[in-house]
Amino acid sequence: MESGIAVKQMPKYKCHKEVWALKIKQVVIPSDSSAGYITLHFEDNFLPMQITSHMYAKFNPVAGWYFVVYEDGYQSFSPAKAFEEGYTLIK
């Protein structure tokens, strides 16, 4: 209870989606703040990619997190613990 009000627990969901993901090795923020982009470097020798400063500010990804792309093209980020507990690599 919080302030005498019963707090209802949110519904819980189990993930069953297939996504594409890369583990971030390094986030490089250019010294020129007007550049408008951030460069992500990934593990497993994948090429670096650039994201907008806006996308970076929205998620604040750090090394060790995952860059995730859903089937509909939506791009997001996930902390490693949450991602690794929810997804298994498809080989």
PDB file of N, CA and C in Angstrom:
ATOM      1  N   MET A   1       0.836  -1.184   0.000  1.00  0.00           N
ATOM      2  CA  MET A   1       0.000   0.000   0.000  1.00  0.00           C
ATOM      3  C   MET A   1       0.876   1.242   0.000  1.00  0.00           C
ATOM      4  N   GLU A   2       0.397   2.217  -0.719  1.00  0.00           N
ATOM      5  CA  GLU A   2       1.117   3.476  -0.812  1.00  0.00           C
ATOM      6  C   GLU A   2       0.123   4.589  -0.522  1.00  0.00           C
ATOM      7  N   SER A   3       0.352   5.357   0.521  1.00  0.00           N
ATOM      8  CA  SER A   3      -0.539   6.453   0.917  1.00  0.00           C
ATOM      9  C   SER A   3      -1.976   5.987   1.131  1.00  0.00           C
ATOM     10  N   GLY A   4      -2.144   4.773   1.639  1.00  0.00           N
ATOM     11  CA  GLY A   4      -3.475   4.262   1.913  1.00  0.00           C
ATOM     12  C   GLY A   4      -4.230   3.792   0.683  1.00  0.00           C
ATOM     13  N   ILE A   5      -3.594   3.806  -0.493  1.00  0.00           N
ATOM     14  CA  ILE A   5      -4.237   3.371  -1.732  1.00  0.00           C
ATOM     15  C   ILE A   5      -3.620   2.044  -2.148  1.00  0.00           C
ATOM     16  N   ALA A   6      -4.456   1.047  -2.394  1.00  0.00           N
ATOM     17  CA  ALA A   6      -3.959  -0.251  -2.863  1.00  0.00           C
ATOM     18  C   ALA A   6      -3.418  -0.088  -4.275  1.00  0.00           C
ATOM     19  N   VAL A   7      -2.222  -0.582  -4.508  1.00  0.00           N
ATOM     20  CA  VAL A   7      -1.603  -0.498  -5.829  1.00  0.00           C
ATOM     21  C   VAL A   7      -1.817  -1.826  -6.530  1.00  0.00           C
ATOM     22  N   LYS A   8      -2.485  -1.794  -7.671  1.00  0.00           N
ATOM     23  CA  LYS A   8      -2.753  -3.002  -8.442  1.00  0.00           C
ATOM     24  C   LYS A   8      -1.508  -3.386  -9.232  1.00  0.00           C
ATOM     25  N   GLN A   9      -1.169  -4.667  -9.210  1.00  0.00           N
ATOM     26  CA  GLN A   9       0.002  -5.139  -9.947  1.00  0.00           C
ATOM     27  C   GLN A   9      -0.309  -5.150 -11.440  1.00  0.00           C
ATOM     28  N   MET A  10       0.655  -4.705 -12.218  1.00  0.00           N
ATOM     29  CA  MET A  10       0.496  -4.693 -13.669  1.00  0.00           C
ATOM     30  C   MET A  10       0.476  -6.120 -14.198  1.00  0.00           C
ATOM     31  N   PRO A  11      -0.210  -6.365 -15.330  1.00  0.00           N
ATOM     32  CA  PRO A  11      -0.187  -7.697 -15.939  1.00  0.00           C
ATOM     33  C   PRO A  11       1.232  -8.055 -16.360  1.00  0.00           C
ATOM     34  N   LYS A  12       1.573  -9.328 -16.287  1.00  0.00           N
ATOM     35  CA  LYS A  12       2.906  -9.811 -16.648  1.00  0.00           C
ATOM     36  C   LYS A  12       2.821 -10.528 -17.993  1.00  0.00           C
ATOM     37  N   TYR A  13       3.836 -10.332 -18.835  1.00  0.00           N
ATOM     38  CA  TYR A  13       3.866 -10.928 -20.168  1.00  0.00           C
ATOM     39  C   TYR A  13       5.149 -11.707 -20.380  1.00  0.00           C
ATOM     40  N   LYS A  14       5.089 -12.752 -21.205  1.00  0.00           N
ATOM     41  CA  LYS A  14       6.272 -13.524 -21.561  1.00  0.00           C
ATOM     42  C   LYS A  14       6.582 -13.232 -23.029  1.00  0.00           C
ATOM     43  N   CYS A  15       7.839 -12.970 -23.335  1.00  0.00           N
ATOM     44  CA  CYS A  15       8.244 -12.630 -24.693  1.00  0.00           C
ATOM     45  C   CYS A  15       8.383 -13.885 -25.551  1.00  0.00           C
ATOM     46  N   HIS A  16       7.872 -13.811 -26.764  1.00  0.00           N
ATOM     47  CA  HIS A  16       7.993 -14.916 -27.707  1.00  0.00           C
ATOM     48  C   HIS A  16       8.316 -14.395 -29.114  1.00  0.00           C
ATOM     49  N   LYS A  17       8.795 -13.176 -29.187  1.00  0.00           N
ATOM     50  CA  LYS A  17       9.130 -12.550 -30.466  1.00  0.00           C
ATOM     51  C   LYS A  17      10.510 -12.982 -30.931  1.00  0.00           C
ATOM     52  N   GLU A  18      10.707 -12.919 -32.250  1.00  0.00           N
ATOM     53  CA  GLU A  18      12.041 -13.067 -32.811  1.00  0.00           C
ATOM     54  C   GLU A  18      12.507 -11.676 -33.217  1.00  0.00           C
ATOM     55  N   VAL A  19      13.723 -11.330 -32.840  1.00  0.00           N
ATOM     56  CA  VAL A  19      14.294 -10.020 -33.149  1.00  0.00           C
ATOM     57  C   VAL A  19      15.717 -10.196 -33.653  1.00  0.00           C
ATOM     58  N   TRP A  20      16.229  -9.162 -34.254  1.00  0.00           N
ATOM     59  CA  TRP A  20      17.641  -9.100 -34.600  1.00  0.00           C
ATOM     60  C   TRP A  20      18.304  -8.232 -33.544  1.00  0.00           C
ATOM     61  N   ALA A  21      19.510  -8.601 -33.129  1.00  0.00           N
ATOM     62  CA  ALA A  21      20.161  -7.808 -32.087  1.00  0.00           C
ATOM     63  C   ALA A  21      21.675  -7.932 -32.177  1.00  0.00           C
ATOM     64  N   LEU A  22      22.338  -6.867 -31.770  1.00  0.00           N
ATOM     65  CA  LEU A  22      23.798  -6.836 -31.678  1.00  0.00           C
ATOM     66  C   LEU A  22      24.181  -6.285 -30.317  1.00  0.00           C
ATOM     67  N   LYS A  23      25.177  -6.906 -29.685  1.00  0.00           N
ATOM     68  CA  LYS A  23      25.655  -6.418 -28.398  1.00  0.00           C
ATOM     69  C   LYS A  23      26.631  -5.266 -28.637  1.00  0.00           C
ATOM     70  N   ILE A  24      26.409  -4.169 -27.933  1.00  0.00           N
ATOM     71  CA  ILE A  24      27.226  -2.966 -28.097  1.00  0.00           C
ATOM     72  C   ILE A  24      28.550  -3.118 -27.339  1.00  0.00           C
ATOM     73  N   LYS A  25      29.633  -2.896 -28.059  1.00  0.00           N
ATOM     74  CA  LYS A  25      30.962  -2.942 -27.451  1.00  0.00           C
ATOM     75  C   LYS A  25      31.406  -1.560 -26.995  1.00  0.00           C
ATOM     76  N   GLN A  26      31.037  -0.536 -27.779  1.00  0.00           N
ATOM     77  CA  GLN A  26      31.484   0.826 -27.463  1.00  0.00           C
ATOM     78  C   GLN A  26      30.518   1.846 -28.061  1.00  0.00           C
ATOM     79  N   VAL A  27      30.268   2.907 -27.317  1.00  0.00           N
ATOM     80  CA  VAL A  27      29.455   4.035 -27.790  1.00  0.00           C
ATOM     81  C   VAL A  27      30.398   5.223 -27.924  1.00  0.00           C
ATOM     82  N   VAL A  28      30.481   5.779 -29.133  1.00  0.00           N
ATOM     83  CA  VAL A  28      31.397   6.897 -29.380  1.00  0.00           C
ATOM     84  C   VAL A  28      30.584   8.159 -29.652  1.00  0.00           C
ATOM     85  N   ILE A  29      30.751   9.130 -28.762  1.00  0.00           N
ATOM     86  CA  ILE A  29      30.070  10.418 -28.891  1.00  0.00           C
ATOM     87  C   ILE A  29      31.090  11.410 -29.431  1.00  0.00           C
ATOM     88  N   PRO A  30      30.831  12.013 -30.594  1.00  0.00           N
ATOM     89  CA  PRO A  30      31.812  12.934 -31.169  1.00  0.00           C
ATOM     90  C   PRO A  30      32.015  14.162 -30.282  1.00  0.00           C
ATOM     91  N   SER A  31      33.221  14.705 -30.325  1.00  0.00           N
ATOM     92  CA  SER A  31      33.525  15.894 -29.520  1.00  0.00           C
ATOM     93  C   SER A  31      32.744  17.107 -30.016  1.00  0.00           C
ATOM     94  N   ASP A  32      32.377  17.100 -31.300  1.00  0.00           N
ATOM     95  CA  ASP A  32      31.569  18.181 -31.876  1.00  0.00           C
ATOM     96  C   ASP A  32      30.101  17.867 -31.596  1.00  0.00           C
ATOM     97  N   SER A  33      29.519  18.537 -30.629  1.00  0.00           N
ATOM     98  CA  SER A  33      28.146  18.242 -30.213  1.00  0.00           C
ATOM     99  C   SER A  33      27.114  18.541 -31.304  1.00  0.00           C
ATOM    100  N   SER A  34      27.503  19.272 -32.328  1.00  0.00           N
ATOM    101  CA  SER A  34      26.561  19.579 -33.406  1.00  0.00           C
ATOM    102  C   SER A  34      26.563  18.504 -34.495  1.00  0.00           C
ATOM    103  N   ALA A  35      27.344  17.447 -34.299  1.00  0.00           N
ATOM    104  CA  ALA A  35      27.449  16.400 -35.315  1.00  0.00           C
ATOM    105  C   ALA A  35      26.103  15.731 -35.585  1.00  0.00           C
ATOM    106  N   GLY A  36      25.272  15.576 -34.558  1.00  0.00           N
ATOM    107  CA  GLY A  36      23.944  15.017 -34.760  1.00  0.00           C
ATOM    108  C   GLY A  36      23.872  13.507 -34.777  1.00  0.00           C
ATOM    109  N   TYR A  37      24.983  12.845 -34.507  1.00  0.00           N
ATOM    110  CA  TYR A  37      24.973  11.387 -34.514  1.00  0.00           C
ATOM    111  C   TYR A  37      25.916  10.821 -33.452  1.00  0.00           C
ATOM    112  N   ILE A  38      25.691   9.564 -33.125  1.00  0.00           N
ATOM    113  CA  ILE A  38      26.517   8.792 -32.191  1.00  0.00           C
ATOM    114  C   ILE A  38      26.895   7.510 -32.929  1.00  0.00           C
ATOM    115  N   THR A  39      28.114   7.029 -32.749  1.00  0.00           N
ATOM    116  CA  THR A  39      28.536   5.804 -33.414  1.00  0.00           C
ATOM    117  C   THR A  39      28.555   4.649 -32.418  1.00  0.00           C
ATOM    118  N   LEU A  40      27.927   3.548 -32.829  1.00  0.00           N
ATOM    119  CA  LEU A  40      27.915   2.331 -32.020  1.00  0.00           C
ATOM    120  C   LEU A  40      28.861   1.312 -32.634  1.00  0.00           C
ATOM    121  N   HIS A  41      29.701   0.720 -31.807  1.00  0.00           N
ATOM    122  CA  HIS A  41      30.576  -0.371 -32.225  1.00  0.00           C
ATOM    123  C   HIS A  41      30.053  -1.626 -31.547  1.00  0.00           C
ATOM    124  N   PHE A  42      30.066  -2.743 -32.297  1.00  0.00           N
ATOM    125  CA  PHE A  42      29.466  -3.970 -31.804  1.00  0.00           C
ATOM    126  C   PHE A  42      30.482  -5.082 -31.606  1.00  0.00           C
ATOM    127  N   GLU A  43      30.112  -6.055 -30.770  1.00  0.00           N
ATOM    128  CA  GLU A  43      30.916  -7.260 -30.605  1.00  0.00           C
ATOM    129  C   GLU A  43      30.775  -8.118 -31.863  1.00  0.00           C
ATOM    130  N   ASP A  44      31.564  -9.152 -31.962  1.00  0.00           N
ATOM    131  CA  ASP A  44      31.496 -10.127 -33.062  1.00  0.00           C
ATOM    132  C   ASP A  44      31.809  -9.533 -34.427  1.00  0.00           C
ATOM    133  N   ASN A  45      32.634  -8.493 -34.472  1.00  0.00           N
ATOM    134  CA  ASN A  45      33.142  -7.916 -35.719  1.00  0.00           C
ATOM    135  C   ASN A  45      32.075  -7.409 -36.673  1.00  0.00           C
ATOM    136  N   PHE A  46      30.935  -6.947 -36.181  1.00  0.00           N
ATOM    137  CA  PHE A  46      29.954  -6.297 -37.040  1.00  0.00           C
ATOM    138  C   PHE A  46      30.387  -4.855 -37.265  1.00  0.00           C
ATOM    139  N   LEU A  47      30.065  -4.325 -38.430  1.00  0.00           N
ATOM    140  CA  LEU A  47      30.446  -2.957 -38.752  1.00  0.00           C
ATOM    141  C   LEU A  47      29.761  -1.972 -37.816  1.00  0.00           C
ATOM    142  N   PRO A  48      30.450  -0.877 -37.480  1.00  0.00           N
ATOM    143  CA  PRO A  48      29.830   0.163 -36.649  1.00  0.00           C
ATOM    144  C   PRO A  48      28.656   0.787 -37.383  1.00  0.00           C
ATOM    145  N   MET A  49      27.755   1.387 -36.646  1.00  0.00           N
ATOM    146  CA  MET A  49      26.644   2.111 -37.253  1.00  0.00           C
ATOM    147  C   MET A  49      26.415   3.406 -36.503  1.00  0.00           C
ATOM    148  N   GLN A  50      25.794   4.346 -37.171  1.00  0.00           N
ATOM    149  CA  GLN A  50      25.498   5.630 -36.551  1.00  0.00           C
ATOM    150  C   GLN A  50      24.012   5.715 -36.253  1.00  0.00           C
ATOM    151  N   ILE A  51      23.697   6.297 -35.102  1.00  0.00           N
ATOM    152  CA  ILE A  51      22.319   6.595 -34.734  1.00  0.00           C
ATOM    153  C   ILE A  51      22.232   8.098 -34.500  1.00  0.00           C
ATOM    154  N   THR A  52      21.046   8.614 -34.562  1.00  0.00           N
ATOM    155  CA  THR A  52      20.880  10.051 -34.341  1.00  0.00           C
ATOM    156  C   THR A  52      21.087  10.395 -32.865  1.00  0.00           C
ATOM    157  N   SER A  53      21.470  11.619 -32.617  1.00  0.00           N
ATOM    158  CA  SER A  53      21.608  12.091 -31.239  1.00  0.00           C
ATOM    159  C   SER A  53      20.270  11.999 -30.506  1.00  0.00           C
ATOM    160  N   HIS A  54      19.170  12.203 -31.252  1.00  0.00           N
ATOM    161  CA  HIS A  54      17.829  12.104 -30.664  1.00  0.00           C
ATOM    162  C   HIS A  54      17.558  10.676 -30.171  1.00  0.00           C
ATOM    163  N   MET A  55      17.891   9.681 -30.991  1.00  0.00           N
ATOM    164  CA  MET A  55      17.676   8.284 -30.588  1.00  0.00           C
ATOM    165  C   MET A  55      18.551   7.945 -29.379  1.00  0.00           C
ATOM    166  N   TYR A  56      19.773   8.449 -29.389  1.00  0.00           N
ATOM    167  CA  TYR A  56      20.665   8.208 -28.257  1.00  0.00           C
ATOM    168  C   TYR A  56      20.079   8.812 -26.984  1.00  0.00           C
ATOM    169  N   ALA A  57      19.602  10.032 -27.058  1.00  0.00           N
ATOM    170  CA  ALA A  57      19.042  10.701 -25.882  1.00  0.00           C
ATOM    171  C   ALA A  57      17.797   9.993 -25.368  1.00  0.00           C
ATOM    172  N   LYS A  58      17.034   9.399 -26.268  1.00  0.00           N
ATOM    173  CA  LYS A  58      15.806   8.697 -25.880  1.00  0.00           C
ATOM    174  C   LYS A  58      16.103   7.445 -25.059  1.00  0.00           C
ATOM    175  N   PHE A  59      17.155   6.687 -25.433  1.00  0.00           N
ATOM    176  CA  PHE A  59      17.443   5.407 -24.793  1.00  0.00           C
ATOM    177  C   PHE A  59      18.680   5.403 -23.897  1.00  0.00           C
ATOM    178  N   ASN A  60      19.649   6.279 -24.159  1.00  0.00           N
ATOM    179  CA  ASN A  60      20.922   6.328 -23.438  1.00  0.00           C
ATOM    180  C   ASN A  60      21.618   4.972 -23.357  1.00  0.00           C
ATOM    181  N   PRO A  61      21.832   4.313 -24.514  1.00  0.00           N
ATOM    182  CA  PRO A  61      22.496   3.007 -24.490  1.00  0.00           C
ATOM    183  C   PRO A  61      23.956   3.125 -24.068  1.00  0.00           C
ATOM    184  N   VAL A  62      24.466   2.063 -23.466  1.00  0.00           N
ATOM    185  CA  VAL A  62      25.867   2.011 -23.041  1.00  0.00           C
ATOM    186  C   VAL A  62      26.463   0.683 -23.501  1.00  0.00           C
ATOM    187  N   ALA A  63      27.783   0.589 -23.432  1.00  0.00           N
ATOM    188  CA  ALA A  63      28.468  -0.655 -23.777  1.00  0.00           C
ATOM    189  C   ALA A  63      27.883  -1.787 -22.939  1.00  0.00           C
ATOM    190  N   GLY A  64      27.651  -2.925 -23.590  1.00  0.00           N
ATOM    191  CA  GLY A  64      27.071  -4.083 -22.919  1.00  0.00           C
ATOM    192  C   GLY A  64      25.588  -4.242 -23.201  1.00  0.00           C
ATOM    193  N   TRP A  65      24.918  -3.164 -23.602  1.00  0.00           N
ATOM    194  CA  TRP A  65      23.504  -3.244 -23.964  1.00  0.00           C
ATOM    195  C   TRP A  65      23.377  -3.851 -25.359  1.00  0.00           C
ATOM    196  N   TYR A  66      22.149  -4.101 -25.772  1.00  0.00           N
ATOM    197  CA  TYR A  66      21.857  -4.628 -27.103  1.00  0.00           C
ATOM    198  C   TYR A  66      21.097  -3.601 -27.930  1.00  0.00           C
ATOM    199  N   PHE A  67      21.489  -3.488 -29.197  1.00  0.00           N
ATOM    200  CA  PHE A  67      20.727  -2.746 -30.197  1.00  0.00           C
ATOM    201  C   PHE A  67      19.777  -3.768 -30.801  1.00  0.00           C
ATOM    202  N   VAL A  68      18.470  -3.482 -30.773  1.00  0.00           N
ATOM    203  CA  VAL A  68      17.456  -4.469 -31.155  1.00  0.00           C
ATOM    204  C   VAL A  68      16.589  -3.923 -32.291  1.00  0.00           C
ATOM    205  N   VAL A  69      16.342  -4.781 -33.295  1.00  0.00           N
ATOM    206  CA  VAL A  69      15.457  -4.428 -34.400  1.00  0.00           C
ATOM    207  C   VAL A  69      14.338  -5.463 -34.448  1.00  0.00           C
ATOM    208  N   TYR A  70      13.098  -4.980 -34.394  1.00  0.00           N
ATOM    209  CA  TYR A  70      11.921  -5.849 -34.427  1.00  0.00           C
ATOM    210  C   TYR A  70      11.487  -6.089 -35.870  1.00  0.00           C
ATOM    211  N   GLU A  71      10.626  -7.086 -36.075  1.00  0.00           N
ATOM    212  CA  GLU A  71      10.179  -7.460 -37.423  1.00  0.00           C
ATOM    213  C   GLU A  71       9.556  -6.305 -38.187  1.00  0.00           C
ATOM    214  N   ASP A  72       8.910  -5.375 -37.493  1.00  0.00           N
ATOM    215  CA  ASP A  72       8.281  -4.239 -38.174  1.00  0.00           C
ATOM    216  C   ASP A  72       9.264  -3.099 -38.440  1.00  0.00           C
ATOM    217  N   GLY A  73      10.555  -3.319 -38.096  1.00  0.00           N
ATOM    218  CA  GLY A  73      11.587  -2.322 -38.344  1.00  0.00           C
ATOM    219  C   GLY A  73      11.857  -1.388 -37.180  1.00  0.00           C
ATOM    220  N   TYR A  74      11.035  -1.471 -36.125  1.00  0.00           N
ATOM    221  CA  TYR A  74      11.245  -0.614 -34.951  1.00  0.00           C
ATOM    222  C   TYR A  74      12.603  -0.916 -34.330  1.00  0.00           C
ATOM    223  N   GLN A  75      13.355   0.121 -34.021  1.00  0.00           N
ATOM    224  CA  GLN A  75      14.681  -0.023 -33.428  1.00  0.00           C
ATOM    225  C   GLN A  75      14.649   0.437 -31.985  1.00  0.00           C
ATOM    226  N   SER A  76      15.331  -0.323 -31.119  1.00  0.00           N
ATOM    227  CA  SER A  76      15.332  -0.018 -29.699  1.00  0.00           C
ATOM    228  C   SER A  76      16.634  -0.510 -29.085  1.00  0.00           C
ATOM    229  N   PHE A  77      16.728  -0.354 -27.779  1.00  0.00           N
ATOM    230  CA  PHE A  77      17.892  -0.832 -27.029  1.00  0.00           C
ATOM    231  C   PHE A  77      17.404  -1.569 -25.800  1.00  0.00           C
ATOM    232  N   SER A  78      18.200  -2.512 -25.336  1.00  0.00           N
ATOM    233  CA  SER A  78      17.837  -3.276 -24.146  1.00  0.00           C
ATOM    234  C   SER A  78      19.067  -3.492 -23.282  1.00  0.00           C
ATOM    235  N   PRO A  79      18.938  -3.279 -21.978  1.00  0.00           N
ATOM    236  CA  PRO A  79      20.046  -3.629 -21.084  1.00  0.00           C
ATOM    237  C   PRO A  79      20.342  -5.131 -21.212  1.00  0.00           C
ATOM    238  N   ALA A  80      21.599  -5.506 -21.054  1.00  0.00           N
ATOM    239  CA  ALA A  80      22.030  -6.890 -21.263  1.00  0.00           C
ATOM    240  C   ALA A  80      21.246  -7.889 -20.419  1.00  0.00           C
ATOM    241  N   LYS A  81      21.080  -7.628 -19.138  1.00  0.00           N
ATOM    242  CA  LYS A  81      20.416  -8.593 -18.251  1.00  0.00           C
ATOM    243  C   LYS A  81      18.996  -8.890 -18.734  1.00  0.00           C
ATOM    244  N   ALA A  82      18.229  -7.863 -19.028  1.00  0.00           N
ATOM    245  CA  ALA A  82      16.850  -8.050 -19.492  1.00  0.00           C
ATOM    246  C   ALA A  82      16.820  -8.788 -20.823  1.00  0.00           C
ATOM    247  N   PHE A  83      17.709  -8.421 -21.740  1.00  0.00           N
ATOM    248  CA  PHE A  83      17.727  -9.061 -23.053  1.00  0.00           C
ATOM    249  C   PHE A  83      18.120 -10.522 -22.938  1.00  0.00           C
ATOM    250  N   GLU A  84      19.202 -10.800 -22.227  1.00  0.00           N
ATOM    251  CA  GLU A  84      19.713 -12.158 -22.130  1.00  0.00           C
ATOM    252  C   GLU A  84      18.782 -13.093 -21.362  1.00  0.00           C
ATOM    253  N   GLU A  85      17.993 -12.551 -20.436  1.00  0.00           N
ATOM    254  CA  GLU A  85      17.017 -13.372 -19.716  1.00  0.00           C
ATOM    255  C   GLU A  85      15.768 -13.622 -20.559  1.00  0.00           C
ATOM    256  N   GLY A  86      15.516 -12.787 -21.572  1.00  0.00           N
ATOM    257  CA  GLY A  86      14.305 -12.916 -22.367  1.00  0.00           C
ATOM    258  C   GLY A  86      14.470 -13.532 -23.735  1.00  0.00           C
ATOM    259  N   TYR A  87      15.701 -13.568 -24.251  1.00  0.00           N
ATOM    260  CA  TYR A  87      15.931 -14.050 -25.604  1.00  0.00           C
ATOM    261  C   TYR A  87      17.021 -15.119 -25.632  1.00  0.00           C
ATOM    262  N   THR A  88      16.873 -16.060 -26.565  1.00  0.00           N
ATOM    263  CA  THR A  88      17.867 -17.108 -26.812  1.00  0.00           C
ATOM    264  C   THR A  88      18.303 -17.000 -28.252  1.00  0.00           C
ATOM    265  N   LEU A  89      19.590 -17.097 -28.500  1.00  0.00           N
ATOM    266  CA  LEU A  89      20.119 -16.999 -29.856  1.00  0.00           C
ATOM    267  C   LEU A  89      19.587 -18.138 -30.715  1.00  0.00           C
ATOM    268  N   ILE A  90      19.088 -17.807 -31.920  1.00  0.00           N
ATOM    269  CA  ILE A  90      18.640 -18.803 -32.893  1.00  0.00           C
ATOM    270  C   ILE A  90      19.820 -19.131 -33.779  1.00  0.00           C
ATOM    271  N   LYS A  91      20.171 -20.400 -33.853  1.00  0.00           N
ATOM    272  CA  LYS A  91      21.321 -20.770 -34.695  1.00  0.00           C
ATOM    273  C   LYS A  91      20.866 -21.483 -35.938  1.00  0.00           C
TER     274      LYS A  91
END
